[in-house]
Amino acid sequence: MASGGSKSVALILLALNIVLYFVVLVIASWAVNHGIQRSRESASVLSFPVHLFPIYFPMGNMATGFFVIFSLIAGVVGFTTSVTGLHNIFQWDGPSLHAAAISSLTTWALTILAMGFACKEIELGWTDSNLRTLETITIIVSATQLLCTSVIHVGISEVIPPRVGRV
C-alpha cells in the first residue's frame, strides 16, 4: 500500500519534469541558434582572445555561454531520462527502479551544474527576459529533479526489502 503513494508521486514528478525539461530544451536551443546567428558580427569587433572564444553569446554576460550550453545538455538528458523513467516506474520492480534511480541521479547532477551557471549569471546581472526565464526554470527543475530522485530511491527501499544477515 505504501508503494502506491511513492509510485503516484514519482509519476507526477516525472510528468512535470518532462514539461519543464522540454521548456528548458526549447529556450536553450533558441539561445544557441540566436548566438550562432548573431555572434559573427558581434564578436568581430571584440579583442583577439575573446574573438576566438567559441562560446560567445551577444546577449547576456560572460557566463551566458556556459549556462546555455549546459542547460541544453541538461535539457536533453533530463527529457530523455524522464521519458524512460516513466516506463521504469510503470514496471515498478527492482531492476527498473535501479535504472531509473541512477539515470535520475545523473540528470540531477547535470541540472545542478546548469543551475550553478544560472546562479553565476544572476550574480553578474544584465540578462534579457528569455535568459531570465531559462534561469528560473532551471532552478525550479533542479528542485523537482531532486524530489523525483528522492522518491525513486524511497520506492527502491519499499520494493526491495533490506538484507538482514549475510549468507
N, C-alpha and C. Protein backbone atom coordinates (compact mmCIF):
# COMPACT_ATOMS: atom_id res chain seq x y z
N MET A 1 0.81 -1.19 0.00
CA MET A 1 0.00 0.00 0.00
C MET A 1 0.86 1.27 0.00
N ALA A 2 1.96 1.23 0.73
CA ALA A 2 2.82 2.41 0.79
C ALA A 2 3.53 2.66 -0.53
N SER A 3 3.81 1.59 -1.28
CA SER A 3 4.50 1.77 -2.54
C SER A 3 3.62 2.46 -3.57
N GLY A 4 2.31 2.38 -3.44
CA GLY A 4 1.41 3.07 -4.36
C GLY A 4 1.54 4.57 -4.25
N GLY A 5 1.78 5.08 -3.04
CA GLY A 5 1.97 6.51 -2.85
C GLY A 5 3.24 7.01 -3.50
N SER A 6 4.32 6.26 -3.32
CA SER A 6 5.58 6.65 -3.94
C SER A 6 5.50 6.57 -5.46
N LYS A 7 4.79 5.56 -5.94
CA LYS A 7 4.66 5.40 -7.39
C LYS A 7 3.88 6.55 -8.00
N SER A 8 2.79 6.95 -7.36
CA SER A 8 1.99 8.05 -7.92
C SER A 8 2.73 9.38 -7.83
N VAL A 9 3.46 9.62 -6.75
CA VAL A 9 4.24 10.85 -6.64
C VAL A 9 5.36 10.87 -7.68
N ALA A 10 6.00 9.73 -7.90
CA ALA A 10 7.06 9.65 -8.91
C ALA A 10 6.50 9.91 -10.31
N LEU A 11 5.33 9.37 -10.59
CA LEU A 11 4.71 9.60 -11.90
C LEU A 11 4.38 11.07 -12.11
N ILE A 12 3.85 11.72 -11.09
CA ILE A 12 3.51 13.14 -11.19
C ILE A 12 4.77 13.98 -11.39
N LEU A 13 5.80 13.69 -10.62
CA LEU A 13 7.05 14.46 -10.74
C LEU A 13 7.73 14.22 -12.09
N LEU A 14 7.68 12.99 -12.59
CA LEU A 14 8.27 12.73 -13.89
C LEU A 14 7.50 13.43 -15.00
N ALA A 15 6.18 13.45 -14.91
CA ALA A 15 5.38 14.17 -15.91
C ALA A 15 5.68 15.67 -15.86
N LEU A 16 5.81 16.22 -14.66
CA LEU A 16 6.17 17.63 -14.51
C LEU A 16 7.56 17.90 -15.06
N ASN A 17 8.50 16.99 -14.81
CA ASN A 17 9.86 17.18 -15.32
C ASN A 17 9.92 17.09 -16.83
N ILE A 18 9.07 16.27 -17.44
CA ILE A 18 9.04 16.22 -18.91
C ILE A 18 8.70 17.59 -19.46
N VAL A 19 7.70 18.22 -18.89
CA VAL A 19 7.28 19.55 -19.36
C VAL A 19 8.37 20.58 -19.10
N LEU A 20 8.93 20.58 -17.89
CA LEU A 20 9.96 21.57 -17.55
C LEU A 20 11.22 21.40 -18.38
N TYR A 21 11.67 20.16 -18.55
CA TYR A 21 12.87 19.93 -19.35
C TYR A 21 12.63 20.26 -20.83
N PHE A 22 11.40 20.06 -21.31
CA PHE A 22 11.10 20.44 -22.69
C PHE A 22 11.19 21.96 -22.86
N VAL A 23 10.70 22.71 -21.88
CA VAL A 23 10.79 24.17 -21.94
C VAL A 23 12.25 24.61 -21.88
N VAL A 24 13.05 23.99 -21.02
CA VAL A 24 14.48 24.29 -20.95
C VAL A 24 15.14 23.99 -22.29
N LEU A 25 14.78 22.87 -22.88
CA LEU A 25 15.34 22.47 -24.17
C LEU A 25 15.00 23.47 -25.27
N VAL A 26 13.76 23.93 -25.30
CA VAL A 26 13.34 24.89 -26.34
C VAL A 26 14.05 26.23 -26.17
N ILE A 27 14.08 26.76 -24.96
CA ILE A 27 14.70 28.08 -24.75
C ILE A 27 16.21 28.01 -24.95
N ALA A 28 16.85 26.95 -24.47
CA ALA A 28 18.31 26.82 -24.67
C ALA A 28 18.64 26.63 -26.14
N SER A 29 17.81 25.90 -26.87
CA SER A 29 18.04 25.74 -28.31
C SER A 29 17.89 27.06 -29.04
N TRP A 30 16.89 27.83 -28.63
CA TRP A 30 16.72 29.16 -29.23
C TRP A 30 17.95 30.02 -28.96
N ALA A 31 18.45 29.99 -27.73
CA ALA A 31 19.60 30.82 -27.37
C ALA A 31 20.85 30.41 -28.15
N VAL A 32 21.05 29.10 -28.33
CA VAL A 32 22.20 28.65 -29.12
C VAL A 32 22.05 29.11 -30.57
N ASN A 33 20.87 28.96 -31.13
CA ASN A 33 20.63 29.40 -32.51
C ASN A 33 20.83 30.91 -32.64
N HIS A 34 20.31 31.67 -31.70
CA HIS A 34 20.47 33.12 -31.72
C HIS A 34 21.94 33.51 -31.59
N GLY A 35 22.66 32.79 -30.72
CA GLY A 35 24.07 33.07 -30.55
C GLY A 35 24.89 32.76 -31.79
N ILE A 36 24.55 31.68 -32.48
CA ILE A 36 25.27 31.33 -33.71
C ILE A 36 25.00 32.36 -34.80
N GLN A 37 23.75 32.80 -34.92
CA GLN A 37 23.41 33.74 -35.98
C GLN A 37 23.99 35.12 -35.75
N ARG A 38 24.06 35.56 -34.50
CA ARG A 38 24.49 36.93 -34.23
C ARG A 38 25.92 37.07 -33.76
N SER A 39 26.62 35.97 -33.50
CA SER A 39 27.96 36.10 -32.94
C SER A 39 28.99 36.58 -33.96
N ARG A 40 28.79 36.32 -35.23
CA ARG A 40 29.78 36.74 -36.22
C ARG A 40 29.96 38.25 -36.21
N GLU A 41 28.86 39.01 -36.30
CA GLU A 41 29.01 40.47 -36.32
C GLU A 41 29.32 41.03 -34.94
N SER A 42 28.87 40.38 -33.88
CA SER A 42 29.14 40.89 -32.53
C SER A 42 30.57 40.61 -32.10
N ALA A 43 31.07 39.42 -32.40
CA ALA A 43 32.41 39.05 -31.95
C ALA A 43 33.51 39.62 -32.83
N SER A 44 33.18 40.08 -34.01
CA SER A 44 34.22 40.59 -34.91
C SER A 44 34.83 41.90 -34.41
N VAL A 45 34.13 42.65 -33.59
CA VAL A 45 34.65 43.93 -33.08
C VAL A 45 35.36 43.77 -31.74
N LEU A 46 35.38 42.56 -31.18
CA LEU A 46 36.00 42.34 -29.88
C LEU A 46 37.50 42.14 -30.02
N SER A 47 38.20 42.19 -28.88
CA SER A 47 39.64 41.97 -28.89
C SER A 47 39.96 40.52 -29.25
N PHE A 48 41.21 40.24 -29.50
CA PHE A 48 41.62 38.96 -30.07
C PHE A 48 41.28 37.74 -29.20
N PRO A 49 41.58 37.70 -27.89
CA PRO A 49 41.27 36.46 -27.15
C PRO A 49 39.77 36.17 -27.11
N VAL A 50 38.94 37.18 -26.94
CA VAL A 50 37.51 36.96 -26.89
C VAL A 50 36.98 36.63 -28.27
N HIS A 51 37.61 37.14 -29.30
CA HIS A 51 37.20 36.87 -30.67
C HIS A 51 37.32 35.38 -31.00
N LEU A 52 38.29 34.69 -30.41
CA LEU A 52 38.48 33.27 -30.65
C LEU A 52 37.69 32.38 -29.71
N PHE A 53 37.07 32.94 -28.69
CA PHE A 53 36.33 32.17 -27.70
C PHE A 53 35.08 31.57 -28.35
N PRO A 54 34.95 30.25 -28.37
CA PRO A 54 33.87 29.63 -29.14
C PRO A 54 32.49 29.75 -28.51
N ILE A 55 32.40 30.08 -27.22
CA ILE A 55 31.10 30.14 -26.57
C ILE A 55 30.78 31.60 -26.25
N TYR A 56 30.78 32.44 -27.25
CA TYR A 56 30.42 33.85 -27.06
C TYR A 56 28.97 34.05 -27.50
N PHE A 57 28.20 34.67 -26.63
CA PHE A 57 26.81 34.98 -26.95
C PHE A 57 26.62 36.48 -26.90
N PRO A 58 25.97 37.05 -27.90
CA PRO A 58 25.82 38.50 -27.95
C PRO A 58 24.84 39.04 -26.92
N MET A 59 24.04 38.19 -26.29
CA MET A 59 23.14 38.66 -25.24
C MET A 59 23.64 38.13 -23.90
N GLY A 60 23.25 38.77 -22.85
CA GLY A 60 23.65 38.32 -21.52
C GLY A 60 25.02 38.80 -21.12
N ASN A 61 25.69 38.02 -20.29
CA ASN A 61 27.01 38.38 -19.79
C ASN A 61 28.00 37.26 -20.11
N MET A 62 29.14 37.26 -19.48
CA MET A 62 30.18 36.29 -19.82
C MET A 62 29.86 34.87 -19.34
N ALA A 63 28.90 34.68 -18.46
CA ALA A 63 28.51 33.34 -18.02
C ALA A 63 27.43 32.74 -18.90
N THR A 64 26.89 33.52 -19.83
CA THR A 64 25.76 33.07 -20.64
C THR A 64 26.11 31.87 -21.50
N GLY A 65 27.27 31.86 -22.11
CA GLY A 65 27.66 30.76 -22.98
C GLY A 65 27.69 29.43 -22.26
N PHE A 66 28.34 29.40 -21.11
CA PHE A 66 28.40 28.17 -20.34
C PHE A 66 27.01 27.76 -19.86
N PHE A 67 26.25 28.74 -19.39
CA PHE A 67 24.91 28.44 -18.88
C PHE A 67 24.01 27.86 -19.97
N VAL A 68 24.04 28.44 -21.15
CA VAL A 68 23.17 27.97 -22.23
C VAL A 68 23.59 26.58 -22.69
N ILE A 69 24.87 26.33 -22.84
CA ILE A 69 25.34 25.03 -23.30
C ILE A 69 25.00 23.94 -22.28
N PHE A 70 25.27 24.18 -21.00
CA PHE A 70 24.97 23.17 -20.00
C PHE A 70 23.47 23.02 -19.77
N SER A 71 22.70 24.08 -19.97
CA SER A 71 21.24 23.95 -19.90
C SER A 71 20.73 23.10 -21.04
N LEU A 72 21.31 23.26 -22.21
CA LEU A 72 20.91 22.43 -23.36
C LEU A 72 21.24 20.96 -23.10
N ILE A 73 22.40 20.68 -22.58
CA ILE A 73 22.78 19.30 -22.26
C ILE A 73 21.86 18.73 -21.18
N ALA A 74 21.63 19.51 -20.13
CA ALA A 74 20.74 19.04 -19.05
C ALA A 74 19.31 18.86 -19.56
N GLY A 75 18.88 19.71 -20.48
CA GLY A 75 17.53 19.57 -21.03
C GLY A 75 17.36 18.30 -21.84
N VAL A 76 18.34 17.99 -22.67
CA VAL A 76 18.27 16.77 -23.49
C VAL A 76 18.31 15.53 -22.60
N VAL A 77 19.27 15.49 -21.68
CA VAL A 77 19.39 14.33 -20.80
C VAL A 77 18.18 14.23 -19.87
N GLY A 78 17.71 15.34 -19.35
CA GLY A 78 16.56 15.32 -18.45
C GLY A 78 15.28 14.90 -19.13
N PHE A 79 15.06 15.36 -20.35
CA PHE A 79 13.85 14.98 -21.08
C PHE A 79 13.86 13.48 -21.37
N THR A 80 14.98 12.96 -21.85
CA THR A 80 15.03 11.53 -22.17
C THR A 80 14.98 10.67 -20.90
N THR A 81 15.61 11.13 -19.83
CA THR A 81 15.56 10.40 -18.57
C THR A 81 14.14 10.36 -18.02
N SER A 82 13.42 11.46 -18.13
CA SER A 82 12.05 11.49 -17.63
C SER A 82 11.14 10.59 -18.44
N VAL A 83 11.33 10.55 -19.74
CA VAL A 83 10.50 9.67 -20.58
C VAL A 83 10.80 8.20 -20.27
N THR A 84 12.08 7.84 -20.20
CA THR A 84 12.41 6.45 -19.87
C THR A 84 12.09 6.13 -18.41
N GLY A 85 12.15 7.14 -17.54
CA GLY A 85 11.77 6.94 -16.14
C GLY A 85 10.30 6.60 -15.98
N LEU A 86 9.45 7.18 -16.83
CA LEU A 86 8.03 6.81 -16.78
C LEU A 86 7.85 5.33 -17.08
N HIS A 87 8.57 4.84 -18.07
CA HIS A 87 8.50 3.41 -18.40
C HIS A 87 8.98 2.57 -17.22
N ASN A 88 10.08 2.98 -16.60
CA ASN A 88 10.61 2.22 -15.46
C ASN A 88 9.68 2.26 -14.26
N ILE A 89 9.02 3.38 -14.04
CA ILE A 89 8.11 3.49 -12.90
C ILE A 89 6.86 2.65 -13.14
N PHE A 90 6.38 2.58 -14.38
CA PHE A 90 5.22 1.74 -14.67
C PHE A 90 5.50 0.27 -14.38
N GLN A 91 6.75 -0.17 -14.59
CA GLN A 91 7.09 -1.57 -14.30
C GLN A 91 7.19 -1.81 -12.80
N TRP A 92 7.76 -0.87 -12.05
CA TRP A 92 7.86 -0.87 -10.59
C TRP A 92 8.41 -2.18 -10.03
N ASP A 93 9.57 -2.58 -10.54
CA ASP A 93 10.30 -3.70 -9.96
C ASP A 93 11.73 -3.26 -9.68
N GLY A 94 12.49 -4.12 -9.05
CA GLY A 94 13.83 -3.75 -8.60
C GLY A 94 14.77 -3.26 -9.69
N PRO A 95 14.99 -4.05 -10.75
CA PRO A 95 15.92 -3.59 -11.79
C PRO A 95 15.49 -2.30 -12.48
N SER A 96 14.20 -2.16 -12.73
CA SER A 96 13.71 -0.94 -13.39
C SER A 96 13.87 0.27 -12.49
N LEU A 97 13.62 0.10 -11.21
CA LEU A 97 13.78 1.23 -10.29
C LEU A 97 15.25 1.60 -10.10
N HIS A 98 16.13 0.61 -10.13
CA HIS A 98 17.56 0.93 -10.05
C HIS A 98 18.02 1.70 -11.28
N ALA A 99 17.53 1.31 -12.45
CA ALA A 99 17.87 2.04 -13.68
C ALA A 99 17.33 3.46 -13.63
N ALA A 100 16.10 3.62 -13.14
CA ALA A 100 15.51 4.96 -13.02
C ALA A 100 16.27 5.79 -11.99
N ALA A 101 16.73 5.16 -10.92
CA ALA A 101 17.43 5.90 -9.86
C ALA A 101 18.78 6.43 -10.35
N ILE A 102 19.54 5.62 -11.04
CA ILE A 102 20.87 6.07 -11.48
C ILE A 102 20.75 7.11 -12.59
N SER A 103 19.80 6.95 -13.49
CA SER A 103 19.63 7.96 -14.54
C SER A 103 19.07 9.25 -13.96
N SER A 104 18.22 9.15 -12.96
CA SER A 104 17.68 10.34 -12.30
C SER A 104 18.78 11.09 -11.54
N LEU A 105 19.66 10.35 -10.91
CA LEU A 105 20.77 10.98 -10.18
C LEU A 105 21.74 11.66 -11.14
N THR A 106 22.02 11.03 -12.28
CA THR A 106 22.89 11.63 -13.28
C THR A 106 22.27 12.91 -13.84
N THR A 107 20.98 12.87 -14.12
CA THR A 107 20.29 14.05 -14.62
C THR A 107 20.30 15.17 -13.59
N TRP A 108 20.12 14.81 -12.33
CA TRP A 108 20.13 15.83 -11.28
C TRP A 108 21.51 16.48 -11.18
N ALA A 109 22.57 15.70 -11.34
CA ALA A 109 23.92 16.27 -11.29
C ALA A 109 24.15 17.25 -12.44
N LEU A 110 23.71 16.90 -13.64
CA LEU A 110 23.84 17.83 -14.78
C LEU A 110 22.99 19.08 -14.58
N THR A 111 21.81 18.91 -14.01
CA THR A 111 20.93 20.05 -13.79
C THR A 111 21.50 20.97 -12.71
N ILE A 112 22.12 20.41 -11.70
CA ILE A 112 22.76 21.23 -10.66
C ILE A 112 23.93 22.01 -11.26
N LEU A 113 24.66 21.40 -12.19
CA LEU A 113 25.74 22.12 -12.86
C LEU A 113 25.18 23.31 -13.65
N ALA A 114 24.10 23.09 -14.39
CA ALA A 114 23.47 24.18 -15.13
C ALA A 114 22.90 25.23 -14.17
N MET A 115 22.37 24.79 -13.03
CA MET A 115 21.84 25.73 -12.05
C MET A 115 22.96 26.59 -11.45
N GLY A 116 24.13 26.01 -11.27
CA GLY A 116 25.27 26.79 -10.78
C GLY A 116 25.64 27.90 -11.74
N PHE A 117 25.64 27.61 -13.03
CA PHE A 117 25.90 28.66 -14.01
C PHE A 117 24.76 29.68 -14.07
N ALA A 118 23.53 29.22 -13.81
CA ALA A 118 22.41 30.16 -13.75
C ALA A 118 22.58 31.12 -12.59
N CYS A 119 23.01 30.61 -11.45
CA CYS A 119 23.24 31.48 -10.29
C CYS A 119 24.39 32.45 -10.56
N LYS A 120 25.42 32.00 -11.24
CA LYS A 120 26.53 32.89 -11.58
C LYS A 120 26.07 33.97 -12.55
N GLU A 121 25.21 33.60 -13.49
CA GLU A 121 24.70 34.59 -14.43
C GLU A 121 23.80 35.61 -13.73
N ILE A 122 23.02 35.14 -12.77
CA ILE A 122 22.18 36.07 -12.00
C ILE A 122 23.06 37.01 -11.20
N GLU A 123 24.16 36.49 -10.63
CA GLU A 123 25.07 37.32 -9.85
C GLU A 123 25.72 38.40 -10.71
N LEU A 124 26.12 38.04 -11.94
CA LEU A 124 26.76 39.01 -12.83
C LEU A 124 25.76 40.04 -13.37
N GLY A 125 24.51 39.65 -13.49
CA GLY A 125 23.46 40.59 -13.89
C GLY A 125 23.38 40.82 -15.38
N TRP A 126 22.42 41.65 -15.77
CA TRP A 126 22.15 42.11 -17.13
C TRP A 126 21.90 40.96 -18.10
N THR A 127 20.71 40.38 -18.00
CA THR A 127 20.27 39.38 -18.97
C THR A 127 18.89 39.78 -19.49
N ASP A 128 18.54 39.29 -20.66
CA ASP A 128 17.23 39.61 -21.21
C ASP A 128 16.18 38.65 -20.65
N SER A 129 14.93 38.85 -21.05
CA SER A 129 13.83 38.11 -20.43
C SER A 129 13.87 36.62 -20.76
N ASN A 130 14.31 36.24 -21.95
CA ASN A 130 14.39 34.82 -22.28
C ASN A 130 15.40 34.09 -21.41
N LEU A 131 16.53 34.73 -21.16
CA LEU A 131 17.53 34.10 -20.30
C LEU A 131 17.08 34.07 -18.85
N ARG A 132 16.36 35.09 -18.40
CA ARG A 132 15.82 35.06 -17.04
C ARG A 132 14.81 33.94 -16.88
N THR A 133 14.01 33.70 -17.93
CA THR A 133 13.07 32.58 -17.89
C THR A 133 13.81 31.26 -17.82
N LEU A 134 14.86 31.12 -18.61
CA LEU A 134 15.66 29.89 -18.58
C LEU A 134 16.33 29.70 -17.22
N GLU A 135 16.81 30.77 -16.63
CA GLU A 135 17.42 30.68 -15.29
C GLU A 135 16.40 30.20 -14.27
N THR A 136 15.21 30.80 -14.31
CA THR A 136 14.17 30.45 -13.34
C THR A 136 13.74 28.99 -13.49
N ILE A 137 13.50 28.57 -14.71
CA ILE A 137 13.04 27.20 -14.92
C ILE A 137 14.14 26.20 -14.59
N THR A 138 15.38 26.55 -14.83
CA THR A 138 16.49 25.66 -14.47
C THR A 138 16.57 25.48 -12.95
N ILE A 139 16.36 26.54 -12.21
CA ILE A 139 16.38 26.44 -10.75
C ILE A 139 15.19 25.61 -10.26
N ILE A 140 14.02 25.81 -10.85
CA ILE A 140 12.84 25.04 -10.46
C ILE A 140 13.02 23.56 -10.79
N VAL A 141 13.51 23.26 -12.00
CA VAL A 141 13.65 21.86 -12.40
C VAL A 141 14.74 21.15 -11.60
N SER A 142 15.71 21.87 -11.08
CA SER A 142 16.70 21.22 -10.23
C SER A 142 16.07 20.76 -8.91
N ALA A 143 15.12 21.53 -8.40
CA ALA A 143 14.41 21.13 -7.18
C ALA A 143 13.47 19.96 -7.44
N THR A 144 12.72 20.01 -8.55
CA THR A 144 11.81 18.91 -8.84
C THR A 144 12.56 17.63 -9.18
N GLN A 145 13.72 17.76 -9.80
CA GLN A 145 14.53 16.57 -10.10
C GLN A 145 15.08 15.97 -8.82
N LEU A 146 15.45 16.79 -7.84
CA LEU A 146 15.90 16.27 -6.55
C LEU A 146 14.77 15.51 -5.86
N LEU A 147 13.56 16.07 -5.88
CA LEU A 147 12.41 15.38 -5.29
C LEU A 147 12.13 14.07 -6.00
N CYS A 148 12.20 14.08 -7.31
CA CYS A 148 11.95 12.87 -8.10
C CYS A 148 12.99 11.80 -7.79
N THR A 149 14.24 12.19 -7.70
CA THR A 149 15.31 11.24 -7.36
C THR A 149 15.09 10.66 -5.97
N SER A 150 14.69 11.50 -5.03
CA SER A 150 14.42 11.02 -3.67
C SER A 150 13.26 10.05 -3.63
N VAL A 151 12.19 10.34 -4.34
CA VAL A 151 11.02 9.47 -4.35
C VAL A 151 11.35 8.12 -4.99
N ILE A 152 12.15 8.13 -6.04
CA ILE A 152 12.54 6.87 -6.68
C ILE A 152 13.39 6.04 -5.72
N HIS A 153 14.28 6.69 -4.99
CA HIS A 153 15.09 5.94 -4.02
C HIS A 153 14.23 5.39 -2.88
N VAL A 154 13.21 6.12 -2.46
CA VAL A 154 12.28 5.60 -1.46
C VAL A 154 11.53 4.41 -2.02
N GLY A 155 11.14 4.49 -3.30
CA GLY A 155 10.46 3.37 -3.95
C GLY A 155 11.32 2.12 -4.00
N ILE A 156 12.63 2.30 -4.19
CA ILE A 156 13.54 1.14 -4.18
C ILE A 156 13.54 0.49 -2.81
N SER A 157 13.58 1.29 -1.77
CA SER A 157 13.59 0.72 -0.42
C SER A 157 12.26 0.06 -0.07
N GLU A 158 11.17 0.45 -0.73
CA GLU A 158 9.88 -0.19 -0.49
C GLU A 158 9.73 -1.51 -1.26
N VAL A 159 10.28 -1.54 -2.47
CA VAL A 159 10.14 -2.72 -3.32
C VAL A 159 11.10 -3.82 -2.92
N ILE A 160 12.35 -3.45 -2.63
CA ILE A 160 13.39 -4.44 -2.28
C ILE A 160 13.61 -4.39 -0.78
N PRO A 161 13.29 -5.47 -0.08
CA PRO A 161 13.49 -5.46 1.38
C PRO A 161 14.98 -5.49 1.72
N PRO A 162 15.37 -4.85 2.81
CA PRO A 162 16.79 -4.83 3.19
C PRO A 162 17.25 -6.24 3.64
N ARG A 163 18.51 -6.53 3.39
CA ARG A 163 19.08 -7.82 3.82
C ARG A 163 19.47 -7.72 5.28
N VAL A 164 19.09 -8.71 6.03
CA VAL A 164 19.35 -8.69 7.46
C VAL A 164 20.73 -9.27 7.78
N GLY A 165 21.04 -10.39 7.24
CA GLY A 165 22.33 -11.01 7.54
C GLY A 165 22.99 -11.52 6.28
N ARG A 166 24.25 -11.83 6.40
CA ARG A 166 25.00 -12.35 5.25
C ARG A 166 24.86 -13.87 5.20
N VAL A 167 24.84 -14.36 4.01
CA VAL A 167 24.75 -15.80 3.83
C VAL A 167 26.02 -16.33 3.23
